Amino acid sequence: MRSAAERHLSLARGHVAEWKALAALMLKGYRPLARRYAMHGGEIDLIVARGETVAFVEVKARPQMELAFEAIGSAKRRRFSRAARAWLARHPWAMHRTLRADAVFVAPRRWPKHVEGAFEIEM
C-alpha cells in the first residue's frame, strides 16, 4: 500500500499532466468545457470541444510513453463511459454533436500525444 506522501505526489503529477494535456489541446483549437468531471463511479479528466465535436479525454502520465498507451483498461473505460453518460444527461445540447473518447498520453521530456477516438464510449 502506498503512503500518504506517495499518493499526494502521484496526485500532483496527475494535475501537472492534465495541465500539459489541456495546453496541447488548446494549441490544437480545442476549448475546455470541464476539468476533472466526477460523478459516483466515474471520472473524466478533461472535456473539450472543437467545432461540432465534444471530446471526453482521459489523461495518462507514465515514465515512458509506451506504458501510458497500455494504462486504459476495460474497468477504466466502463467508469469513464458512465461519467460521460452522466455529463451528457446534464448537457443535452451535446447529444447533437460528434462525441468521442480521446486520450492524451504524457511522458517526461516528450510532447503530449493526443489520440482521437482512443476507445469507444459505452452508451
Protein backbone atom coordinates (compact mmCIF):
# COMPACT_ATOMS: atom_id res chain seq x y z
CA MET A 1 0.00 0.00 0.00
CA ARG A 2 1.28 3.45 -0.90
CA SER A 3 1.99 6.01 1.78
CA ALA A 4 0.11 9.30 2.02
CA ALA A 5 3.17 11.13 0.67
CA GLU A 6 3.33 8.82 -2.38
CA ARG A 7 -0.39 9.31 -3.06
CA HIS A 8 -0.02 13.09 -2.76
CA LEU A 9 2.95 13.11 -5.16
CA SER A 10 1.04 10.94 -7.64
CA LEU A 11 -1.97 13.27 -7.48
CA ALA A 12 0.27 16.31 -8.05
CA ARG A 13 1.89 14.64 -11.07
CA GLY A 14 -1.57 13.87 -12.43
CA HIS A 15 -2.63 17.51 -12.13
CA VAL A 16 0.51 18.67 -13.94
CA ALA A 17 -0.13 16.11 -16.70
CA GLU A 18 -3.72 17.38 -17.06
CA TRP A 19 -2.47 20.96 -17.46
CA LYS A 20 0.05 19.86 -20.09
CA ALA A 21 -2.65 17.90 -21.92
CA LEU A 22 -5.07 20.82 -21.81
CA ALA A 23 -2.40 23.23 -23.12
CA ALA A 24 -1.61 20.87 -26.01
CA LEU A 25 -5.30 20.51 -26.86
CA MET A 26 -5.89 24.26 -26.73
CA LEU A 27 -2.99 24.77 -29.14
CA LYS A 28 -4.90 22.43 -31.47
CA GLY A 29 -8.00 24.62 -31.22
CA TYR A 30 -9.99 22.83 -28.52
CA ARG A 31 -11.77 24.82 -25.82
CA PRO A 32 -12.24 23.41 -22.33
CA LEU A 33 -15.75 22.59 -21.12
CA ALA A 34 -14.84 20.79 -17.86
CA ARG A 35 -11.85 19.55 -15.88
CA ARG A 36 -11.89 16.59 -13.53
CA TYR A 37 -15.59 15.89 -14.01
CA ALA A 38 -16.51 13.29 -11.42
CA MET A 39 -19.69 11.51 -10.50
CA HIS A 40 -20.40 8.42 -8.44
CA GLY A 41 -18.40 5.64 -10.01
CA GLY A 42 -16.54 7.53 -12.71
CA GLU A 43 -14.31 10.44 -13.67
CA ILE A 44 -13.27 12.27 -16.83
CA ASP A 45 -10.04 14.25 -16.75
CA LEU A 46 -10.97 16.78 -19.46
CA ILE A 47 -13.99 17.56 -21.59
CA VAL A 48 -13.17 19.74 -24.59
CA ALA A 49 -14.88 20.93 -27.76
CA ARG A 50 -13.74 21.93 -31.22
CA GLY A 51 -16.23 22.70 -33.96
CA GLU A 52 -19.05 20.15 -33.79
CA THR A 53 -17.03 17.66 -31.72
CA VAL A 54 -17.13 17.12 -27.97
CA ALA A 55 -14.22 15.02 -26.74
CA PHE A 56 -14.09 13.29 -23.37
CA VAL A 57 -10.39 12.98 -22.61
CA GLU A 58 -8.51 10.52 -20.42
CA VAL A 59 -5.03 11.77 -19.48
CA LYS A 60 -2.39 9.20 -18.61
CA ALA A 61 1.06 10.15 -17.34
CA ARG A 62 3.73 7.50 -17.16
CA PRO A 63 7.55 7.47 -17.06
CA GLN A 64 7.59 6.12 -20.64
CA MET A 65 5.12 6.83 -23.43
CA GLU A 66 4.70 3.11 -24.17
CA LEU A 67 3.50 2.50 -20.61
CA ALA A 68 0.94 5.30 -20.92
CA PHE A 69 -0.62 3.67 -24.00
CA GLU A 70 -1.30 0.48 -22.02
CA ALA A 71 -2.83 2.20 -18.99
CA ILE A 72 -6.51 2.38 -20.02
CA GLY A 73 -8.10 -0.95 -19.14
CA SER A 74 -11.66 -2.19 -19.53
CA ALA A 75 -12.74 -1.21 -15.99
CA LYS A 76 -11.44 2.33 -16.56
CA ARG A 77 -13.32 2.54 -19.87
CA ARG A 78 -16.57 1.47 -18.15
CA ARG A 79 -16.20 4.08 -15.38
CA PHE A 80 -15.24 6.71 -17.97
CA SER A 81 -18.31 5.88 -20.08
CA ARG A 82 -20.58 6.08 -17.02
CA ALA A 83 -19.26 9.57 -16.27
CA ALA A 84 -19.66 10.62 -19.93
CA ARG A 85 -23.30 9.50 -19.91
CA ALA A 86 -23.91 11.47 -16.70
CA TRP A 87 -22.31 14.62 -18.18
CA LEU A 88 -24.40 14.26 -21.35
CA ALA A 89 -27.58 13.92 -19.27
CA ARG A 90 -26.79 17.31 -17.72
CA HIS A 91 -25.76 18.87 -21.06
CA PRO A 92 -28.31 17.62 -23.62
CA TRP A 93 -27.14 20.13 -26.27
CA ALA A 94 -24.02 17.98 -26.67
CA MET A 95 -26.00 14.93 -27.80
CA HIS A 96 -26.34 16.56 -31.23
CA ARG A 97 -22.56 16.79 -31.62
CA THR A 98 -19.94 14.26 -32.61
CA LEU A 99 -18.91 12.53 -29.38
CA ARG A 100 -15.50 10.97 -28.92
CA ALA A 101 -13.40 9.35 -26.22
CA ASP A 102 -9.86 10.66 -26.68
CA ALA A 103 -6.69 10.07 -24.72
CA VAL A 104 -3.67 12.23 -24.10
CA PHE A 105 -0.52 10.41 -23.04
CA VAL A 106 2.13 12.35 -21.15
CA ALA A 107 5.71 11.28 -20.50
CA PRO A 108 8.71 13.29 -19.28
CA ARG A 109 10.59 15.30 -21.91
CA ARG A 110 8.02 14.41 -24.60
CA TRP A 111 5.24 16.44 -26.19
CA PRO A 112 1.83 15.09 -25.06
CA LYS A 113 0.44 12.54 -27.53
CA HIS A 114 -3.23 13.14 -28.41
CA VAL A 115 -5.09 10.10 -29.72
CA GLU A 116 -8.52 10.88 -31.17
CA GLY A 117 -11.08 8.12 -30.68
CA ALA A 118 -8.74 6.14 -28.42
CA PHE A 119 -11.66 3.94 -27.33
CA GLU A 120 -15.45 3.75 -27.61
CA ILE A 121 -17.86 5.41 -25.20
CA GLU A 122 -20.31 2.76 -23.98
CA MET A 123 -23.69 4.40 -24.42
